[in-house]
All heavy atoms as atom14 arrays in JSON, in Angstrom:
{
  "sequence": "PLVYTEIESIRALEDEHPYERIEYAVRQAAELNKRSVRYV",
  "atom14_mask": [
    [1, 1, 1, 1, 1, 1, 1, 0, 0, 0, 0, 0, 0, 0],
    [1, 1, 1, 1, 1, 1, 1, 1, 0, 0, 0, 0, 0, 0],
    [1, 1, 1, 1, 1, 1, 1, 0, 0, 0, 0, 0, 0, 0],
    [1, 1, 1, 1, 1, 1, 1, 1, 1, 1, 1, 1, 0, 0],
    [1, 1, 1, 1, 1, 1, 1, 0, 0, 0, 0, 0, 0, 0],
    [1, 1, 1, 1, 1, 1, 1, 1, 1, 0, 0, 0, 0, 0],
    [1, 1, 1, 1, 1, 1, 1, 1, 0, 0, 0, 0, 0, 0],
    [1, 1, 1, 1, 1, 1, 1, 1, 1, 0, 0, 0, 0, 0],
    [1, 1, 1, 1, 1, 1, 0, 0, 0, 0, 0, 0, 0, 0],
    [1, 1, 1, 1, 1, 1, 1, 1, 0, 0, 0, 0, 0, 0],
    [1, 1, 1, 1, 1, 1, 1, 1, 1, 1, 1, 0, 0, 0],
    [1, 1, 1, 1, 1, 0, 0, 0, 0, 0, 0, 0, 0, 0],
    [1, 1, 1, 1, 1, 1, 1, 1, 0, 0, 0, 0, 0, 0],
    [1, 1, 1, 1, 1, 1, 1, 1, 1, 0, 0, 0, 0, 0],
    [1, 1, 1, 1, 1, 1, 1, 1, 0, 0, 0, 0, 0, 0],
    [1, 1, 1, 1, 1, 1, 1, 1, 1, 0, 0, 0, 0, 0],
    [1, 1, 1, 1, 1, 1, 1, 1, 1, 1, 0, 0, 0, 0],
    [1, 1, 1, 1, 1, 1, 1, 0, 0, 0, 0, 0, 0, 0],
    [1, 1, 1, 1, 1, 1, 1, 1, 1, 1, 1, 1, 0, 0],
    [1, 1, 1, 1, 1, 1, 1, 1, 1, 0, 0, 0, 0, 0],
    [1, 1, 1, 1, 1, 1, 1, 1, 1, 1, 1, 0, 0, 0],
    [1, 1, 1, 1, 1, 1, 1, 1, 0, 0, 0, 0, 0, 0],
    [1, 1, 1, 1, 1, 1, 1, 1, 1, 0, 0, 0, 0, 0],
    [1, 1, 1, 1, 1, 1, 1, 1, 1, 1, 1, 1, 0, 0],
    [1, 1, 1, 1, 1, 0, 0, 0, 0, 0, 0, 0, 0, 0],
    [1, 1, 1, 1, 1, 1, 1, 0, 0, 0, 0, 0, 0, 0],
    [1, 1, 1, 1, 1, 1, 1, 1, 1, 1, 1, 0, 0, 0],
    [1, 1, 1, 1, 1, 1, 1, 1, 1, 0, 0, 0, 0, 0],
    [1, 1, 1, 1, 1, 0, 0, 0, 0, 0, 0, 0, 0, 0],
    [1, 1, 1, 1, 1, 0, 0, 0, 0, 0, 0, 0, 0, 0],
    [1, 1, 1, 1, 1, 1, 1, 1, 1, 0, 0, 0, 0, 0],
    [1, 1, 1, 1, 1, 1, 1, 1, 0, 0, 0, 0, 0, 0],
    [1, 1, 1, 1, 1, 1, 1, 1, 0, 0, 0, 0, 0, 0],
    [1, 1, 1, 1, 1, 1, 1, 1, 1, 0, 0, 0, 0, 0],
    [1, 1, 1, 1, 1, 1, 1, 1, 1, 1, 1, 0, 0, 0],
    [1, 1, 1, 1, 1, 1, 0, 0, 0, 0, 0, 0, 0, 0],
    [1, 1, 1, 1, 1, 1, 1, 0, 0, 0, 0, 0, 0, 0],
    [1, 1, 1, 1, 1, 1, 1, 1, 1, 1, 1, 0, 0, 0],
    [1, 1, 1, 1, 1, 1, 1, 1, 1, 1, 1, 1, 0, 0],
    [1, 1, 1, 1, 1, 1, 1, 0, 0, 0, 0, 0, 0, 0]
  ],
  "atom14_positions": [
    [[-25.15, 26.38, 31.19], [-24.35, 25.1, 30.98], [-24.1, 24.49, 32.46], [-24.17, 25.17, 33.41], [-22.96, 25.53, 30.42], [-23.16, 26.95, 29.87], [-24.36, 27.48, 30.73], [0.0, 0.0, 0.0], [0.0, 0.0, 0.0], [0.0, 0.0, 0.0], [0.0, 0.0, 0.0], [0.0, 0.0, 0.0], [0.0, 0.0, 0.0], [0.0, 0.0, 0.0]],
    [[-24.11, 23.17, 32.37], [-23.89, 22.56, 33.69], [-22.35, 22.24, 33.98], [-21.52, 22.32, 33.04], [-24.56, 21.14, 33.62], [-26.01, 21.06, 33.33], [-26.44, 19.63, 33.16], [-26.74, 21.68, 34.46], [0.0, 0.0, 0.0], [0.0, 0.0, 0.0], [0.0, 0.0, 0.0], [0.0, 0.0, 0.0], [0.0, 0.0, 0.0], [0.0, 0.0, 0.0]],
    [[-21.99, 22.33, 35.3], [-20.72, 21.91, 35.59], [-20.51, 20.36, 35.78], [-21.51, 19.71, 35.94], [-20.25, 22.67, 36.99], [-20.45, 24.24, 36.77], [-21.15, 22.24, 38.06], [0.0, 0.0, 0.0], [0.0, 0.0, 0.0], [0.0, 0.0, 0.0], [0.0, 0.0, 0.0], [0.0, 0.0, 0.0], [0.0, 0.0, 0.0], [0.0, 0.0, 0.0]],
    [[-19.29, 20.0, 35.86], [-19.04, 18.49, 35.85], [-19.66, 17.86, 36.99], [-20.18, 16.74, 36.73], [-17.46, 18.4, 35.98], [-17.06, 16.92, 36.09], [-17.04, 16.17, 35.0], [-16.73, 16.45, 37.3], [-16.79, 14.81, 35.07], [-16.45, 15.06, 37.39], [-16.37, 14.31, 36.27], [-16.05, 12.95, 36.41], [0.0, 0.0, 0.0], [0.0, 0.0, 0.0]],
    [[-19.74, 18.43, 38.15], [-20.34, 17.84, 39.38], [-21.81, 17.56, 39.1], [-22.49, 16.55, 39.53], [-20.09, 18.49, 40.73], [-20.56, 19.8, 40.57], [-18.65, 18.42, 41.03], [0.0, 0.0, 0.0], [0.0, 0.0, 0.0], [0.0, 0.0, 0.0], [0.0, 0.0, 0.0], [0.0, 0.0, 0.0], [0.0, 0.0, 0.0], [0.0, 0.0, 0.0]],
    [[-22.48, 18.51, 38.46], [-23.99, 18.42, 38.18], [-24.2, 17.26, 37.2], [-25.09, 16.48, 37.3], [-24.44, 19.69, 37.54], [-24.56, 20.82, 38.64], [-24.98, 22.18, 38.05], [-24.31, 22.42, 36.87], [-25.8, 22.73, 38.7], [0.0, 0.0, 0.0], [0.0, 0.0, 0.0], [0.0, 0.0, 0.0], [0.0, 0.0, 0.0], [0.0, 0.0, 0.0]],
    [[-23.24, 17.24, 36.21], [-23.41, 16.16, 35.16], [-23.24, 14.72, 35.81], [-24.02, 13.83, 35.57], [-22.46, 16.32, 34.05], [-22.73, 17.6, 33.22], [-22.37, 15.07, 33.17], [-21.74, 18.01, 32.25], [0.0, 0.0, 0.0], [0.0, 0.0, 0.0], [0.0, 0.0, 0.0], [0.0, 0.0, 0.0], [0.0, 0.0, 0.0], [0.0, 0.0, 0.0]],
    [[-22.35, 14.6, 36.71], [-22.17, 13.35, 37.51], [-23.4, 13.08, 38.32], [-23.79, 11.93, 38.29], [-20.91, 13.36, 38.37], [-19.64, 13.36, 37.55], [-19.45, 12.13, 36.68], [-19.73, 11.06, 37.21], [-19.19, 12.33, 35.44], [0.0, 0.0, 0.0], [0.0, 0.0, 0.0], [0.0, 0.0, 0.0], [0.0, 0.0, 0.0], [0.0, 0.0, 0.0]],
    [[-24.02, 14.03, 38.9], [-25.2, 13.84, 39.68], [-26.43, 13.38, 38.82], [-27.24, 12.57, 39.18], [-25.53, 15.05, 40.45], [-24.54, 15.4, 41.47], [0.0, 0.0, 0.0], [0.0, 0.0, 0.0], [0.0, 0.0, 0.0], [0.0, 0.0, 0.0], [0.0, 0.0, 0.0], [0.0, 0.0, 0.0], [0.0, 0.0, 0.0], [0.0, 0.0, 0.0]],
    [[-26.42, 13.96, 37.72], [-27.5, 13.56, 36.75], [-27.35, 12.21, 36.21], [-28.31, 11.5, 36.17], [-27.51, 14.7, 35.49], [-27.93, 16.02, 36.05], [-28.42, 14.07, 34.48], [-27.74, 17.11, 35.06], [0.0, 0.0, 0.0], [0.0, 0.0, 0.0], [0.0, 0.0, 0.0], [0.0, 0.0, 0.0], [0.0, 0.0, 0.0], [0.0, 0.0, 0.0]],
    [[-26.21, 11.77, 35.97], [-26.0, 10.45, 35.62], [-26.38, 9.37, 36.77], [-26.95, 8.45, 36.39], [-24.48, 10.22, 35.19], [-24.1, 10.88, 33.97], [-22.69, 10.67, 33.57], [-22.38, 11.18, 32.28], [-21.29, 11.79, 31.94], [-20.32, 11.77, 32.83], [-21.21, 12.39, 30.74], [0.0, 0.0, 0.0], [0.0, 0.0, 0.0], [0.0, 0.0, 0.0]],
    [[-26.15, 9.81, 37.98], [-26.67, 8.95, 39.0], [-28.15, 8.98, 39.11], [-28.75, 7.9, 39.39], [-26.08, 9.46, 40.36], [0.0, 0.0, 0.0], [0.0, 0.0, 0.0], [0.0, 0.0, 0.0], [0.0, 0.0, 0.0], [0.0, 0.0, 0.0], [0.0, 0.0, 0.0], [0.0, 0.0, 0.0], [0.0, 0.0, 0.0], [0.0, 0.0, 0.0]],
    [[-28.76, 10.13, 38.83], [-30.23, 10.2, 38.86], [-30.88, 9.28, 37.81], [-31.89, 8.63, 37.96], [-30.72, 11.69, 38.48], [-30.96, 12.6, 39.58], [-31.35, 13.97, 38.98], [-32.06, 12.09, 40.57], [0.0, 0.0, 0.0], [0.0, 0.0, 0.0], [0.0, 0.0, 0.0], [0.0, 0.0, 0.0], [0.0, 0.0, 0.0], [0.0, 0.0, 0.0]],
    [[-30.18, 9.19, 36.59], [-30.65, 8.33, 35.52], [-30.74, 6.82, 36.04], [-31.53, 6.15, 35.45], [-29.73, 8.4, 34.31], [-29.93, 9.78, 33.58], [-28.96, 9.82, 32.28], [-27.72, 9.86, 32.58], [-29.43, 9.73, 31.15], [0.0, 0.0, 0.0], [0.0, 0.0, 0.0], [0.0, 0.0, 0.0], [0.0, 0.0, 0.0], [0.0, 0.0, 0.0]],
    [[-29.79, 6.47, 36.96], [-29.86, 5.1, 37.43], [-31.03, 4.74, 38.38], [-31.39, 3.68, 38.62], [-28.49, 4.76, 37.98], [-27.32, 4.69, 37.0], [-27.67, 4.45, 35.82], [-26.24, 4.85, 37.45], [0.0, 0.0, 0.0], [0.0, 0.0, 0.0], [0.0, 0.0, 0.0], [0.0, 0.0, 0.0], [0.0, 0.0, 0.0], [0.0, 0.0, 0.0]],
    [[-31.46, 5.89, 39.01], [-32.41, 5.8, 40.19], [-33.85, 5.98, 39.66], [-34.83, 5.56, 40.35], [-32.07, 6.68, 41.2], [-30.72, 6.5, 41.87], [-30.22, 7.53, 42.76], [-31.12, 8.31, 43.18], [-29.0, 7.59, 43.07], [0.0, 0.0, 0.0], [0.0, 0.0, 0.0], [0.0, 0.0, 0.0], [0.0, 0.0, 0.0], [0.0, 0.0, 0.0]],
    [[-34.11, 6.9, 38.6], [-35.4, 7.4, 38.26], [-35.68, 7.27, 36.72], [-34.72, 7.4, 35.89], [-35.57, 8.75, 38.77], [-35.49, 8.88, 40.25], [-36.55, 8.54, 41.1], [-34.41, 9.36, 41.05], [-36.02, 8.77, 42.43], [-34.86, 9.25, 42.24], [0.0, 0.0, 0.0], [0.0, 0.0, 0.0], [0.0, 0.0, 0.0], [0.0, 0.0, 0.0]],
    [[-36.88, 7.02, 36.32], [-37.27, 7.08, 34.87], [-37.02, 8.43, 34.26], [-37.21, 9.47, 35.03], [-38.72, 6.58, 34.77], [-39.17, 6.32, 36.27], [-38.05, 6.77, 37.11], [0.0, 0.0, 0.0], [0.0, 0.0, 0.0], [0.0, 0.0, 0.0], [0.0, 0.0, 0.0], [0.0, 0.0, 0.0], [0.0, 0.0, 0.0], [0.0, 0.0, 0.0]],
    [[-36.83, 8.49, 32.99], [-36.56, 9.71, 32.31], [-37.67, 10.7, 32.5], [-37.54, 11.9, 32.78], [-36.3, 9.35, 30.85], [-36.21, 10.61, 29.98], [-34.91, 11.04, 29.68], [-37.31, 11.27, 29.39], [-34.67, 12.2, 28.77], [-37.05, 12.38, 28.68], [-35.81, 12.88, 28.32], [-35.63, 13.94, 27.46], [0.0, 0.0, 0.0], [0.0, 0.0, 0.0]],
    [[-38.92, 10.25, 32.42], [-40.09, 11.04, 32.39], [-40.23, 11.76, 33.78], [-40.55, 12.98, 33.81], [-41.29, 10.29, 32.1], [-41.45, 9.85, 30.76], [-40.64, 8.54, 30.6], [-40.21, 7.83, 31.48], [-40.51, 7.99, 29.37], [0.0, 0.0, 0.0], [0.0, 0.0, 0.0], [0.0, 0.0, 0.0], [0.0, 0.0, 0.0], [0.0, 0.0, 0.0]],
    [[-39.93, 11.0, 34.87], [-39.92, 11.7, 36.21], [-38.92, 12.89, 36.32], [-39.19, 13.88, 36.89], [-39.72, 10.54, 37.28], [-39.82, 11.15, 38.63], [-39.55, 10.07, 39.7], [-40.49, 8.94, 39.61], [-40.22, 7.67, 39.99], [-39.04, 7.38, 40.47], [-41.1, 6.79, 39.87], [0.0, 0.0, 0.0], [0.0, 0.0, 0.0], [0.0, 0.0, 0.0]],
    [[-37.71, 12.42, 35.82], [-36.66, 13.49, 35.98], [-37.01, 14.77, 35.15], [-36.85, 15.82, 35.57], [-35.31, 12.94, 35.53], [-34.87, 11.72, 36.32], [-34.22, 13.98, 35.5], [-33.72, 10.92, 35.84], [0.0, 0.0, 0.0], [0.0, 0.0, 0.0], [0.0, 0.0, 0.0], [0.0, 0.0, 0.0], [0.0, 0.0, 0.0], [0.0, 0.0, 0.0]],
    [[-37.42, 14.54, 33.96], [-37.86, 15.56, 33.08], [-38.95, 16.49, 33.7], [-38.85, 17.6, 33.73], [-38.36, 15.03, 31.73], [-38.67, 16.11, 30.74], [-39.22, 15.52, 29.51], [-39.95, 14.49, 29.44], [-38.83, 16.05, 28.36], [0.0, 0.0, 0.0], [0.0, 0.0, 0.0], [0.0, 0.0, 0.0], [0.0, 0.0, 0.0], [0.0, 0.0, 0.0]],
    [[-39.92, 15.7, 34.23], [-40.93, 16.5, 35.05], [-40.43, 17.29, 36.19], [-40.75, 18.48, 36.32], [-42.05, 15.56, 35.44], [-43.12, 16.17, 36.45], [-44.28, 16.74, 35.79], [-43.01, 16.14, 37.76], [-45.16, 17.29, 36.57], [-43.95, 16.72, 38.54], [-45.08, 17.31, 37.99], [-46.09, 17.81, 38.75], [0.0, 0.0, 0.0], [0.0, 0.0, 0.0]],
    [[-39.6, 16.69, 36.92], [-38.97, 17.45, 38.16], [-38.09, 18.66, 37.59], [-38.02, 19.75, 38.23], [-38.06, 16.5, 38.92], [0.0, 0.0, 0.0], [0.0, 0.0, 0.0], [0.0, 0.0, 0.0], [0.0, 0.0, 0.0], [0.0, 0.0, 0.0], [0.0, 0.0, 0.0], [0.0, 0.0, 0.0], [0.0, 0.0, 0.0], [0.0, 0.0, 0.0]],
    [[-37.39, 18.49, 36.5], [-36.63, 19.73, 35.93], [-37.58, 20.88, 35.6], [-37.31, 22.05, 35.86], [-35.76, 19.26, 34.69], [-35.15, 20.42, 34.04], [-34.65, 18.32, 35.18], [0.0, 0.0, 0.0], [0.0, 0.0, 0.0], [0.0, 0.0, 0.0], [0.0, 0.0, 0.0], [0.0, 0.0, 0.0], [0.0, 0.0, 0.0], [0.0, 0.0, 0.0]],
    [[-38.72, 20.48, 35.0], [-39.68, 21.52, 34.59], [-40.27, 22.18, 35.88], [-40.32, 23.36, 35.86], [-40.84, 20.91, 33.79], [-40.43, 20.62, 32.4], [-41.7, 20.26, 31.5], [-42.68, 19.5, 32.05], [-42.79, 18.22, 32.08], [-41.9, 17.5, 31.29], [-43.81, 17.54, 32.53], [0.0, 0.0, 0.0], [0.0, 0.0, 0.0], [0.0, 0.0, 0.0]],
    [[-40.49, 21.43, 36.97], [-40.98, 21.99, 38.14], [-39.96, 22.93, 38.8], [-40.26, 24.03, 39.3], [-41.33, 20.87, 39.14], [-42.52, 20.06, 38.8], [-43.75, 20.86, 38.76], [-43.85, 21.99, 39.31], [-44.81, 20.38, 38.08], [0.0, 0.0, 0.0], [0.0, 0.0, 0.0], [0.0, 0.0, 0.0], [0.0, 0.0, 0.0], [0.0, 0.0, 0.0]],
    [[-38.7, 22.47, 38.77], [-37.61, 23.3, 39.41], [-37.48, 24.64, 38.67], [-37.33, 25.65, 39.24], [-36.25, 22.4, 39.29], [0.0, 0.0, 0.0], [0.0, 0.0, 0.0], [0.0, 0.0, 0.0], [0.0, 0.0, 0.0], [0.0, 0.0, 0.0], [0.0, 0.0, 0.0], [0.0, 0.0, 0.0], [0.0, 0.0, 0.0], [0.0, 0.0, 0.0]],
    [[-37.61, 24.57, 37.33], [-37.42, 25.73, 36.51], [-38.48, 26.71, 36.72], [-38.39, 27.94, 36.91], [-37.3, 25.38, 34.96], [0.0, 0.0, 0.0], [0.0, 0.0, 0.0], [0.0, 0.0, 0.0], [0.0, 0.0, 0.0], [0.0, 0.0, 0.0], [0.0, 0.0, 0.0], [0.0, 0.0, 0.0], [0.0, 0.0, 0.0], [0.0, 0.0, 0.0]],
    [[-39.79, 26.11, 36.78], [-40.93, 27.01, 37.07], [-40.92, 27.67, 38.49], [-41.28, 28.84, 38.65], [-42.32, 26.25, 36.99], [-42.52, 25.78, 35.57], [-43.84, 24.81, 35.63], [-44.52, 24.78, 36.59], [-43.96, 24.28, 34.46], [0.0, 0.0, 0.0], [0.0, 0.0, 0.0], [0.0, 0.0, 0.0], [0.0, 0.0, 0.0], [0.0, 0.0, 0.0]],
    [[-40.34, 26.97, 39.52], [-40.17, 27.53, 40.78], [-38.9, 28.24, 41.11], [-38.61, 28.67, 42.13], [-40.39, 26.38, 41.74], [-41.71, 25.67, 41.71], [-41.65, 24.46, 42.67], [-42.82, 26.62, 42.14], [0.0, 0.0, 0.0], [0.0, 0.0, 0.0], [0.0, 0.0, 0.0], [0.0, 0.0, 0.0], [0.0, 0.0, 0.0], [0.0, 0.0, 0.0]],
    [[-38.04, 28.4, 39.95], [-36.76, 29.03, 40.09], [-35.9, 28.38, 41.13], [-35.14, 29.13, 41.87], [-36.98, 30.54, 40.39], [-35.72, 31.34, 39.91], [-34.99, 31.02, 39.03], [-35.42, 32.51, 40.7], [0.0, 0.0, 0.0], [0.0, 0.0, 0.0], [0.0, 0.0, 0.0], [0.0, 0.0, 0.0], [0.0, 0.0, 0.0], [0.0, 0.0, 0.0]],
    [[-36.0, 27.04, 41.13], [-35.07, 26.15, 42.0], [-34.23, 25.49, 41.18], [-34.16, 24.16, 41.16], [-35.97, 25.32, 42.91], [-37.04, 25.99, 43.71], [-36.49, 26.66, 44.97], [-37.56, 27.22, 45.73], [-36.99, 27.85, 46.97], [0.0, 0.0, 0.0], [0.0, 0.0, 0.0], [0.0, 0.0, 0.0], [0.0, 0.0, 0.0], [0.0, 0.0, 0.0]],
    [[-33.39, 26.05, 40.45], [-32.51, 25.41, 39.49], [-31.27, 24.8, 40.04], [-30.14, 25.19, 39.74], [-32.22, 26.51, 38.37], [-33.4, 26.9, 37.62], [-33.08, 28.05, 36.58], [-34.28, 28.24, 35.85], [-35.03, 29.37, 35.94], [-34.84, 30.18, 36.9], [-36.12, 29.47, 35.18], [0.0, 0.0, 0.0], [0.0, 0.0, 0.0], [0.0, 0.0, 0.0]],
    [[-31.44, 23.65, 40.7], [-30.36, 22.93, 41.21], [-30.66, 21.29, 41.06], [-31.83, 20.94, 41.06], [-30.04, 23.11, 42.7], [-30.95, 22.61, 43.5], [0.0, 0.0, 0.0], [0.0, 0.0, 0.0], [0.0, 0.0, 0.0], [0.0, 0.0, 0.0], [0.0, 0.0, 0.0], [0.0, 0.0, 0.0], [0.0, 0.0, 0.0], [0.0, 0.0, 0.0]],
    [[-29.64, 20.6, 40.78], [-29.77, 19.13, 40.62], [-30.25, 18.58, 41.83], [-31.07, 17.68, 41.81], [-28.47, 18.57, 40.08], [-28.6, 17.0, 40.03], [-28.0, 19.08, 38.7], [0.0, 0.0, 0.0], [0.0, 0.0, 0.0], [0.0, 0.0, 0.0], [0.0, 0.0, 0.0], [0.0, 0.0, 0.0], [0.0, 0.0, 0.0], [0.0, 0.0, 0.0]],
    [[-29.82, 19.06, 43.0], [-30.28, 18.47, 44.36], [-31.83, 18.69, 44.48], [-32.53, 17.75, 44.91], [-29.54, 19.25, 45.41], [-29.97, 18.66, 46.81], [-29.56, 17.33, 47.05], [-30.04, 16.9, 48.38], [-30.62, 15.7, 48.54], [-30.87, 14.88, 47.6], [-31.11, 15.44, 49.7], [0.0, 0.0, 0.0], [0.0, 0.0, 0.0], [0.0, 0.0, 0.0]],
    [[-32.32, 19.9, 44.05], [-33.79, 20.06, 44.1], [-34.55, 19.11, 43.29], [-35.59, 18.46, 43.57], [-34.15, 21.48, 43.75], [-35.55, 21.85, 43.88], [-36.01, 22.32, 45.1], [-36.48, 21.62, 42.91], [-37.39, 22.59, 45.33], [-37.85, 21.89, 43.03], [-38.26, 22.37, 44.36], [-39.53, 22.67, 44.48], [0.0, 0.0, 0.0], [0.0, 0.0, 0.0]],
    [[-33.97, 18.84, 42.02], [-34.52, 17.91, 41.13], [-34.55, 16.45, 41.78], [-35.52, 15.7, 41.73], [-33.83, 17.87, 39.76], [-34.34, 16.8, 38.78], [-34.08, 19.21, 39.06], [0.0, 0.0, 0.0], [0.0, 0.0, 0.0], [0.0, 0.0, 0.0], [0.0, 0.0, 0.0], [0.0, 0.0, 0.0], [0.0, 0.0, 0.0], [0.0, 0.0, 0.0]]
  ]
}
């Protein structure tokens, strides 16, 4: 589960980048075991 600050950061990401780009970046982060919103 995400913490509140991560959720707020994700909402900011939604304003800056298209959904598909963010989704791709999350997959990349998970594959590389870099599971942070900042990495995404």
